């Protein structure tokens, strides 16, 4: 995880015309429900998922565009979601 500490420094070291925000997300799409189910499975939690209506202005899809991070910072995620969750919940 050491590389993550250098991301803010990389951004500070870019040319003045490079401004934020810079998405540092995972470009693979998954739902919050899928994420919650993975976490419950990995942790052995007995938590139950509760479905609530979405807010009117809530986007139905989320997929961060990490083009700027790739082009200007040389960054892209290297750890798959499940592997990162395993490391985080271990």
PDB file of N, CA and C in Angstrom:
ATOM      1  N   UNK A   1       0.809  -1.197   0.000  1.00  0.00           N
ATOM      2  CA  UNK A   1       0.000   0.000   0.000  1.00  0.00           C
ATOM      3  C   UNK A   1       0.853   1.262   0.000  1.00  0.00           C
ATOM      4  N   UNK A   2       2.145   1.138   0.002  1.00  0.00           N
ATOM      5  CA  UNK A   2       3.008   2.311   0.066  1.00  0.00           C
ATOM      6  C   UNK A   2       2.765   3.265  -1.089  1.00  0.00           C
ATOM      7  N   UNK A   3       2.444   2.745  -2.265  1.00  0.00           N
ATOM      8  CA  UNK A   3       2.231   3.624  -3.410  1.00  0.00           C
ATOM      9  C   UNK A   3       1.098   4.607  -3.169  1.00  0.00           C
ATOM     10  N   UNK A   4       0.090   4.227  -2.406  1.00  0.00           N
ATOM     11  CA  UNK A   4      -1.037   5.105  -2.143  1.00  0.00           C
ATOM     12  C   UNK A   4      -0.597   6.385  -1.440  1.00  0.00           C
ATOM     13  N   UNK A   5       0.436   6.329  -0.633  1.00  0.00           N
ATOM     14  CA  UNK A   5       0.893   7.501   0.106  1.00  0.00           C
ATOM     15  C   UNK A   5       1.489   8.553  -0.821  1.00  0.00           C
ATOM     16  N   UNK A   6       1.917   8.161  -2.000  1.00  0.00           N
ATOM     17  CA  UNK A   6       2.581   9.089  -2.899  1.00  0.00           C
ATOM     18  C   UNK A   6       1.639   9.769  -3.875  1.00  0.00           C
ATOM     19  N   UNK A   7       0.380   9.388  -3.901  1.00  0.00           N
ATOM     20  CA  UNK A   7      -0.570   9.981  -4.837  1.00  0.00           C
ATOM     21  C   UNK A   7      -0.728  11.476  -4.616  1.00  0.00           C
ATOM     22  N   UNK A   8      -0.960  11.975  -3.391  1.00  0.00           N
ATOM     23  CA  UNK A   8      -1.066  13.433  -3.222  1.00  0.00           C
ATOM     24  C   UNK A   8       0.202  14.155  -3.676  1.00  0.00           C
ATOM     25  N   UNK A   9       1.348  13.572  -3.430  1.00  0.00           N
ATOM     26  CA  UNK A   9       2.612  14.184  -3.850  1.00  0.00           C
ATOM     27  C   UNK A   9       2.699  14.230  -5.375  1.00  0.00           C
ATOM     28  N   UNK A  10       2.279  13.157  -6.032  1.00  0.00           N
ATOM     29  CA  UNK A  10       2.278  13.148  -7.496  1.00  0.00           C
ATOM     30  C   UNK A  10       1.404  14.258  -8.051  1.00  0.00           C
ATOM     31  N   UNK A  11       0.261  14.470  -7.431  1.00  0.00           N
ATOM     32  CA  UNK A  11      -0.642  15.520  -7.879  1.00  0.00           C
ATOM     33  C   UNK A  11      -0.015  16.894  -7.665  1.00  0.00           C
ATOM     34  N   UNK A  12       0.629  17.094  -6.533  1.00  0.00           N
ATOM     35  CA  UNK A  12       1.286  18.380  -6.269  1.00  0.00           C
ATOM     36  C   UNK A  12       2.418  18.644  -7.256  1.00  0.00           C
ATOM     37  N   UNK A  13       3.063  17.596  -7.738  1.00  0.00           N
ATOM     38  CA  UNK A  13       4.204  17.748  -8.633  1.00  0.00           C
ATOM     39  C   UNK A  13       3.823  17.898 -10.103  1.00  0.00           C
ATOM     40  N   UNK A  14       2.533  17.865 -10.425  1.00  0.00           N
ATOM     41  CA  UNK A  14       2.122  18.011 -11.823  1.00  0.00           C
ATOM     42  C   UNK A  14       2.160  19.475 -12.228  1.00  0.00           C
ATOM     43  N   UNK A  15       2.040  19.706 -13.541  1.00  0.00           N
ATOM     44  CA  UNK A  15       2.017  21.074 -14.067  1.00  0.00           C
ATOM     45  C   UNK A  15       0.829  21.835 -13.488  1.00  0.00           C
ATOM     46  N   UNK A  16       0.922  23.159 -13.482  1.00  0.00           N
ATOM     47  CA  UNK A  16      -0.135  23.994 -12.904  1.00  0.00           C
ATOM     48  C   UNK A  16      -1.486  23.834 -13.595  1.00  0.00           C
ATOM     49  N   UNK A  17      -1.479  23.396 -14.850  1.00  0.00           N
ATOM     50  CA  UNK A  17      -2.755  23.251 -15.557  1.00  0.00           C
ATOM     51  C   UNK A  17      -3.477  21.956 -15.196  1.00  0.00           C
ATOM     52  N   UNK A  18      -2.855  21.105 -14.418  1.00  0.00           N
ATOM     53  CA  UNK A  18      -3.516  19.873 -13.960  1.00  0.00           C
ATOM     54  C   UNK A  18      -4.191  20.191 -12.642  1.00  0.00           C
ATOM     55  N   UNK A  19      -5.505  20.163 -12.669  1.00  0.00           N
ATOM     56  CA  UNK A  19      -6.261  20.459 -11.451  1.00  0.00           C
ATOM     57  C   UNK A  19      -7.206  19.306 -11.152  1.00  0.00           C
ATOM     58  N   UNK A  20      -7.738  19.287  -9.966  1.00  0.00           N
ATOM     59  CA  UNK A  20      -8.636  18.220  -9.553  1.00  0.00           C
ATOM     60  C   UNK A  20     -10.059  18.552  -9.852  1.00  0.00           C
ATOM     61  N   UNK A  21     -10.962  17.726  -9.473  1.00  0.00           N
ATOM     62  CA  UNK A  21     -10.684  16.485  -8.757  1.00  0.00           C
ATOM     63  C   UNK A  21     -10.141  15.397  -9.679  1.00  0.00           C
ATOM     64  N   UNK A  22      -9.399  14.502  -9.086  1.00  0.00           N
ATOM     65  CA  UNK A  22      -8.866  13.355  -9.806  1.00  0.00           C
ATOM     66  C   UNK A  22      -9.497  12.113  -9.192  1.00  0.00           C
ATOM     67  N   UNK A  23     -10.278  11.402  -9.974  1.00  0.00           N
ATOM     68  CA  UNK A  23     -10.913  10.182  -9.476  1.00  0.00           C
ATOM     69  C   UNK A  23      -9.870   9.117  -9.220  1.00  0.00           C
ATOM     70  N   UNK A  24      -9.929   8.515  -8.045  1.00  0.00           N
ATOM     71  CA  UNK A  24      -9.009   7.451  -7.663  1.00  0.00           C
ATOM     72  C   UNK A  24      -9.795   6.188  -7.359  1.00  0.00           C
ATOM     73  N   UNK A  25     -10.852   5.978  -8.097  1.00  0.00           N
ATOM     74  CA  UNK A  25     -11.725   4.853  -7.824  1.00  0.00           C
ATOM     75  C   UNK A  25     -11.407   3.632  -8.651  1.00  0.00           C
ATOM     76  N   UNK A  26     -12.265   2.659  -8.513  1.00  0.00           N
ATOM     77  CA  UNK A  26     -12.163   1.430  -9.271  1.00  0.00           C
ATOM     78  C   UNK A  26     -13.103   1.559 -10.463  1.00  0.00           C
ATOM     79  N   UNK A  27     -12.587   1.478 -11.688  1.00  0.00           N
ATOM     80  CA  UNK A  27     -13.450   1.649 -12.851  1.00  0.00           C
ATOM     81  C   UNK A  27     -14.343   0.445 -13.145  1.00  0.00           C
ATOM     82  N   UNK A  28     -14.197  -0.623 -12.394  1.00  0.00           N
ATOM     83  CA  UNK A  28     -15.089  -1.770 -12.574  1.00  0.00           C
ATOM     84  C   UNK A  28     -16.397  -1.475 -11.862  1.00  0.00           C
ATOM     85  N   UNK A  29     -17.488  -1.675 -12.567  1.00  0.00           N
ATOM     86  CA  UNK A  29     -18.784  -1.344 -12.001  1.00  0.00           C
ATOM     87  C   UNK A  29     -19.334  -2.475 -11.146  1.00  0.00           C
ATOM     88  N   UNK A  30     -19.874  -2.101  -9.995  1.00  0.00           N
ATOM     89  CA  UNK A  30     -20.573  -3.044  -9.133  1.00  0.00           C
ATOM     90  C   UNK A  30     -21.561  -2.236  -8.303  1.00  0.00           C
ATOM     91  N   UNK A  31     -22.592  -2.886  -7.859  1.00  0.00           N
ATOM     92  CA  UNK A  31     -23.612  -2.186  -7.071  1.00  0.00           C
ATOM     93  C   UNK A  31     -23.195  -2.145  -5.599  1.00  0.00           C
ATOM     94  N   UNK A  32     -23.814  -1.224  -4.881  1.00  0.00           N
ATOM     95  CA  UNK A  32     -23.575  -1.154  -3.439  1.00  0.00           C
ATOM     96  C   UNK A  32     -24.041  -2.450  -2.784  1.00  0.00           C
ATOM     97  N   UNK A  33     -25.110  -3.037  -3.307  1.00  0.00           N
ATOM     98  CA  UNK A  33     -25.588  -4.317  -2.777  1.00  0.00           C
ATOM     99  C   UNK A  33     -24.524  -5.400  -2.961  1.00  0.00           C
ATOM    100  N   UNK A  34     -23.913  -5.456  -4.146  1.00  0.00           N
ATOM    101  CA  UNK A  34     -22.856  -6.442  -4.378  1.00  0.00           C
ATOM    102  C   UNK A  34     -21.684  -6.216  -3.433  1.00  0.00           C
ATOM    103  N   UNK A  35     -21.326  -4.956  -3.220  1.00  0.00           N
ATOM    104  CA  UNK A  35     -20.236  -4.642  -2.290  1.00  0.00           C
ATOM    105  C   UNK A  35     -20.589  -5.091  -0.877  1.00  0.00           C
ATOM    106  N   UNK A  36     -21.790  -4.766  -0.438  1.00  0.00           N
ATOM    107  CA  UNK A  36     -22.226  -5.158   0.906  1.00  0.00           C
ATOM    108  C   UNK A  36     -22.236  -6.675   1.063  1.00  0.00           C
ATOM    109  N   UNK A  37     -22.720  -7.382   0.036  1.00  0.00           N
ATOM    110  CA  UNK A  37     -22.752  -8.847   0.095  1.00  0.00           C
ATOM    111  C   UNK A  37     -21.351  -9.426   0.192  1.00  0.00           C
ATOM    112  N   UNK A  38     -20.397  -8.848  -0.536  1.00  0.00           N
ATOM    113  CA  UNK A  38     -19.007  -9.321  -0.461  1.00  0.00           C
ATOM    114  C   UNK A  38     -18.453  -9.116   0.948  1.00  0.00           C
ATOM    115  N   UNK A  39     -18.714  -7.950   1.517  1.00  0.00           N
ATOM    116  CA  UNK A  39     -18.199  -7.646   2.856  1.00  0.00           C
ATOM    117  C   UNK A  39     -18.822  -8.584   3.884  1.00  0.00           C
ATOM    118  N   UNK A  40     -20.115  -8.796   3.795  1.00  0.00           N
ATOM    119  CA  UNK A  40     -20.788  -9.715   4.718  1.00  0.00           C
ATOM    120  C   UNK A  40     -20.197 -11.110   4.597  1.00  0.00           C
ATOM    121  N   UNK A  41     -19.985 -11.564   3.370  1.00  0.00           N
ATOM    122  CA  UNK A  41     -19.424 -12.892   3.137  1.00  0.00           C
ATOM    123  C   UNK A  41     -18.001 -13.007   3.685  1.00  0.00           C
ATOM    124  N   UNK A  42     -17.164 -12.013   3.407  1.00  0.00           N
ATOM    125  CA  UNK A  42     -15.764 -12.068   3.847  1.00  0.00           C
ATOM    126  C   UNK A  42     -15.609 -11.969   5.358  1.00  0.00           C
ATOM    127  N   UNK A  43     -16.504 -11.235   6.004  1.00  0.00           N
ATOM    128  CA  UNK A  43     -16.380 -11.040   7.450  1.00  0.00           C
ATOM    129  C   UNK A  43     -17.184 -12.037   8.266  1.00  0.00           C
ATOM    130  N   UNK A  44     -18.049 -12.796   7.588  1.00  0.00           N
ATOM    131  CA  UNK A  44     -18.893 -13.729   8.321  1.00  0.00           C
ATOM    132  C   UNK A  44     -19.950 -13.015   9.148  1.00  0.00           C
ATOM    133  N   UNK A  45     -20.246 -11.783   8.777  1.00  0.00           N
ATOM    134  CA  UNK A  45     -21.223 -10.984   9.510  1.00  0.00           C
ATOM    135  C   UNK A  45     -22.623 -11.575   9.379  1.00  0.00           C
ATOM    136  N   UNK A  46     -23.435 -11.336  10.392  1.00  0.00           N
ATOM    137  CA  UNK A  46     -24.836 -11.735  10.339  1.00  0.00           C
ATOM    138  C   UNK A  46     -25.723 -10.545   9.991  1.00  0.00           C
ATOM    139  N   UNK A  47     -25.106  -9.458   9.537  1.00  0.00           N
ATOM    140  CA  UNK A  47     -25.862  -8.259   9.169  1.00  0.00           C
ATOM    141  C   UNK A  47     -26.845  -8.583   8.056  1.00  0.00           C
ATOM    142  N   UNK A  48     -27.957  -7.920   8.100  1.00  0.00           N
ATOM    143  CA  UNK A  48     -28.987  -8.073   7.068  1.00  0.00           C
ATOM    144  C   UNK A  48     -29.014  -6.802   6.224  1.00  0.00           C
ATOM    145  N   UNK A  49     -29.208  -6.965   4.932  1.00  0.00           N
ATOM    146  CA  UNK A  49     -29.317  -5.817   4.044  1.00  0.00           C
ATOM    147  C   UNK A  49     -30.744  -5.308   4.038  1.00  0.00           C
ATOM    148  N   UNK A  50     -30.885  -4.013   4.093  1.00  0.00           N
ATOM    149  CA  UNK A  50     -32.195  -3.378   4.068  1.00  0.00           C
ATOM    150  C   UNK A  50     -32.264  -2.493   2.829  1.00  0.00           C
ATOM    151  N   UNK A  51     -33.260  -2.738   1.999  1.00  0.00           N
ATOM    152  CA  UNK A  51     -33.434  -1.933   0.794  1.00  0.00           C
ATOM    153  C   UNK A  51     -34.325  -0.740   1.088  1.00  0.00           C
ATOM    154  N   UNK A  52     -33.851   0.432   0.726  1.00  0.00           N
ATOM    155  CA  UNK A  52     -34.606   1.669   0.881  1.00  0.00           C
ATOM    156  C   UNK A  52     -34.767   2.294  -0.501  1.00  0.00           C
ATOM    157  N   UNK A  53     -35.792   3.103  -0.702  1.00  0.00           N
ATOM    158  CA  UNK A  53     -35.939   3.783  -1.992  1.00  0.00           C
ATOM    159  C   UNK A  53     -34.756   4.725  -2.231  1.00  0.00           C
ATOM    160  N   UNK A  54     -34.337   4.812  -3.478  1.00  0.00           N
ATOM    161  CA  UNK A  54     -33.254   5.723  -3.827  1.00  0.00           C
ATOM    162  C   UNK A  54     -33.736   7.163  -3.767  1.00  0.00           C
ATOM    163  N   UNK A  55     -32.862   8.075  -3.376  1.00  0.00           N
ATOM    164  CA  UNK A  55     -33.220   9.489  -3.482  1.00  0.00           C
ATOM    165  C   UNK A  55     -33.485   9.833  -4.947  1.00  0.00           C
ATOM    166  N   UNK A  56     -34.310  10.809  -5.182  1.00  0.00           N
ATOM    167  CA  UNK A  56     -34.704  11.178  -6.541  1.00  0.00           C
ATOM    168  C   UNK A  56     -33.496  11.506  -7.413  1.00  0.00           C
ATOM    169  N   UNK A  57     -32.502  12.186  -6.867  1.00  0.00           N
ATOM    170  CA  UNK A  57     -31.354  12.619  -7.660  1.00  0.00           C
ATOM    171  C   UNK A  57     -30.172  11.641  -7.623  1.00  0.00           C
ATOM    172  N   UNK A  58     -30.395  10.450  -7.113  1.00  0.00           N
ATOM    173  CA  UNK A  58     -29.321   9.473  -7.003  1.00  0.00           C
ATOM    174  C   UNK A  58     -29.008   8.860  -8.370  1.00  0.00           C
ATOM    175  N   UNK A  59     -27.717   8.849  -8.771  1.00  0.00           N
ATOM    176  CA  UNK A  59     -27.396   8.225 -10.057  1.00  0.00           C
ATOM    177  C   UNK A  59     -27.574   6.716  -9.989  1.00  0.00           C
ATOM    178  N   UNK A  60     -28.069   6.147 -11.068  1.00  0.00           N
ATOM    179  CA  UNK A  60     -28.292   4.701 -11.067  1.00  0.00           C
ATOM    180  C   UNK A  60     -27.023   3.944 -11.433  1.00  0.00           C
ATOM    181  N   UNK A  61     -26.052   4.629 -11.994  1.00  0.00           N
ATOM    182  CA  UNK A  61     -24.774   3.993 -12.312  1.00  0.00           C
ATOM    183  C   UNK A  61     -23.643   4.866 -11.797  1.00  0.00           C
ATOM    184  N   UNK A  62     -22.618   4.193 -11.316  1.00  0.00           N
ATOM    185  CA  UNK A  62     -21.421   4.892 -10.852  1.00  0.00           C
ATOM    186  C   UNK A  62     -20.218   4.160 -11.407  1.00  0.00           C
ATOM    187  N   UNK A  63     -19.466   4.865 -12.174  1.00  0.00           N
ATOM    188  CA  UNK A  63     -18.229   4.295 -12.711  1.00  0.00           C
ATOM    189  C   UNK A  63     -17.247   5.440 -12.870  1.00  0.00           C
ATOM    190  N   UNK A  64     -16.309   5.569 -11.933  1.00  0.00           N
ATOM    191  CA  UNK A  64     -15.403   6.709 -11.993  1.00  0.00           C
ATOM    192  C   UNK A  64     -14.526   6.681 -13.244  1.00  0.00           C
ATOM    193  N   UNK A  65     -14.334   7.845 -13.812  1.00  0.00           N
ATOM    194  CA  UNK A  65     -13.439   7.999 -14.950  1.00  0.00           C
ATOM    195  C   UNK A  65     -12.057   8.306 -14.390  1.00  0.00           C
ATOM    196  N   UNK A  66     -11.145   7.338 -14.472  1.00  0.00           N
ATOM    197  CA  UNK A  66      -9.816   7.519 -13.889  1.00  0.00           C
ATOM    198  C   UNK A  66      -8.777   7.906 -14.944  1.00  0.00           C
ATOM    199  N   UNK A  67      -9.231   8.402 -16.080  1.00  0.00           N
ATOM    200  CA  UNK A  67      -8.330   8.785 -17.164  1.00  0.00           C
ATOM    201  C   UNK A  67      -7.280   9.785 -16.697  1.00  0.00           C
ATOM    202  N   UNK A  68      -7.693  10.817 -15.965  1.00  0.00           N
ATOM    203  CA  UNK A  68      -6.752  11.836 -15.505  1.00  0.00           C
ATOM    204  C   UNK A  68      -5.694  11.232 -14.586  1.00  0.00           C
ATOM    205  N   UNK A  69      -6.106  10.346 -13.701  1.00  0.00           N
ATOM    206  CA  UNK A  69      -5.147   9.692 -12.799  1.00  0.00           C
ATOM    207  C   UNK A  69      -4.139   8.867 -13.596  1.00  0.00           C
ATOM    208  N   UNK A  70      -4.618   8.168 -14.611  1.00  0.00           N
ATOM    209  CA  UNK A  70      -3.712   7.364 -15.445  1.00  0.00           C
ATOM    210  C   UNK A  70      -2.741   8.245 -16.217  1.00  0.00           C
ATOM    211  N   UNK A  71      -3.290   9.273 -16.873  1.00  0.00           N
ATOM    212  CA  UNK A  71      -2.474  10.107 -17.754  1.00  0.00           C
ATOM    213  C   UNK A  71      -1.517  11.024 -17.010  1.00  0.00           C
ATOM    214  N   UNK A  72      -1.965  11.661 -15.961  1.00  0.00           N
ATOM    215  CA  UNK A  72      -1.157  12.681 -15.288  1.00  0.00           C
ATOM    216  C   UNK A  72      -0.383  12.174 -14.084  1.00  0.00           C
ATOM    217  N   UNK A  73      -0.882  11.118 -13.446  1.00  0.00           N
ATOM    218  CA  UNK A  73      -0.223  10.616 -12.245  1.00  0.00           C
ATOM    219  C   UNK A  73       0.398   9.242 -12.439  1.00  0.00           C
ATOM    220  N   UNK A  74       0.098   8.603 -13.567  1.00  0.00           N
ATOM    221  CA  UNK A  74       0.604   7.254 -13.783  1.00  0.00           C
ATOM    222  C   UNK A  74       0.008   6.266 -12.799  1.00  0.00           C
ATOM    223  N   UNK A  75      -1.237   6.509 -12.395  1.00  0.00           N
ATOM    224  CA  UNK A  75      -1.876   5.669 -11.387  1.00  0.00           C
ATOM    225  C   UNK A  75      -3.084   4.950 -11.952  1.00  0.00           C
ATOM    226  N   UNK A  76      -3.226   3.718 -11.568  1.00  0.00           N
ATOM    227  CA  UNK A  76      -4.452   2.959 -11.783  1.00  0.00           C
ATOM    228  C   UNK A  76      -4.485   1.867 -10.737  1.00  0.00           C
ATOM    229  N   UNK A  77      -5.674   1.392 -10.374  1.00  0.00           N
ATOM    230  CA  UNK A  77      -5.744   0.375  -9.325  1.00  0.00           C
ATOM    231  C   UNK A  77      -5.043  -0.907  -9.758  1.00  0.00           C
ATOM    232  N   UNK A  78      -4.333  -1.485  -8.830  1.00  0.00           N
ATOM    233  CA  UNK A  78      -3.606  -2.731  -9.107  1.00  0.00           C
ATOM    234  C   UNK A  78      -4.177  -3.900  -8.317  1.00  0.00           C
ATOM    235  N   UNK A  79      -5.009  -3.605  -7.346  1.00  0.00           N
ATOM    236  CA  UNK A  79      -5.554  -4.636  -6.469  1.00  0.00           C
ATOM    237  C   UNK A  79      -7.028  -4.810  -6.787  1.00  0.00           C
ATOM    238  N   UNK A  80      -7.433  -6.030  -7.027  1.00  0.00           N
ATOM    239  CA  UNK A  80      -8.842  -6.321  -7.296  1.00  0.00           C
ATOM    240  C   UNK A  80      -9.662  -6.077  -6.031  1.00  0.00           C
ATOM    241  N   UNK A  81     -10.920  -5.720  -6.210  1.00  0.00           N
ATOM    242  CA  UNK A  81     -11.801  -5.390  -5.093  1.00  0.00           C
ATOM    243  C   UNK A  81     -11.784  -6.462  -4.016  1.00  0.00           C
ATOM    244  N   UNK A  82     -12.023  -7.688  -4.403  1.00  0.00           N
ATOM    245  CA  UNK A  82     -12.105  -8.762  -3.397  1.00  0.00           C
ATOM    246  C   UNK A  82     -10.793  -8.906  -2.615  1.00  0.00           C
ATOM    247  N   UNK A  83      -9.656  -8.793  -3.304  1.00  0.00           N
ATOM    248  CA  UNK A  83      -8.364  -8.888  -2.618  1.00  0.00           C
ATOM    249  C   UNK A  83      -8.174  -7.719  -1.646  1.00  0.00           C
ATOM    250  N   UNK A  84      -8.559  -6.516  -2.054  1.00  0.00           N
ATOM    251  CA  UNK A  84      -8.458  -5.358  -1.175  1.00  0.00           C
ATOM    252  C   UNK A  84      -9.362  -5.491   0.036  1.00  0.00           C
ATOM    253  N   UNK A  85     -10.558  -6.009  -0.182  1.00  0.00           N
ATOM    254  CA  UNK A  85     -11.469  -6.220   0.941  1.00  0.00           C
ATOM    255  C   UNK A  85     -10.915  -7.265   1.906  1.00  0.00           C
ATOM    256  N   UNK A  86     -10.329  -8.307   1.366  1.00  0.00           N
ATOM    257  CA  UNK A  86      -9.745  -9.336   2.230  1.00  0.00           C
ATOM    258  C   UNK A  86      -8.640  -8.737   3.097  1.00  0.00           C
ATOM    259  N   UNK A  87      -7.768  -7.915   2.477  1.00  0.00           N
ATOM    260  CA  UNK A  87      -6.693  -7.273   3.241  1.00  0.00           C
ATOM    261  C   UNK A  87      -7.256  -6.330   4.297  1.00  0.00           C
ATOM    262  N   UNK A  88      -8.321  -5.616   3.940  1.00  0.00           N
ATOM    263  CA  UNK A  88      -8.905  -4.638   4.851  1.00  0.00           C
ATOM    264  C   UNK A  88      -9.626  -5.307   6.012  1.00  0.00           C
ATOM    265  N   UNK A  89     -10.276  -6.412   5.760  1.00  0.00           N
ATOM    266  CA  UNK A  89     -11.072  -7.062   6.812  1.00  0.00           C
ATOM    267  C   UNK A  89     -10.294  -8.117   7.594  1.00  0.00           C
ATOM    268  N   UNK A  90      -9.075  -8.399   7.187  1.00  0.00           N
ATOM    269  CA  UNK A  90      -8.277  -9.428   7.881  1.00  0.00           C
ATOM    270  C   UNK A  90      -7.824  -8.981   9.243  1.00  0.00           C
TER     271      UNK A  90
END
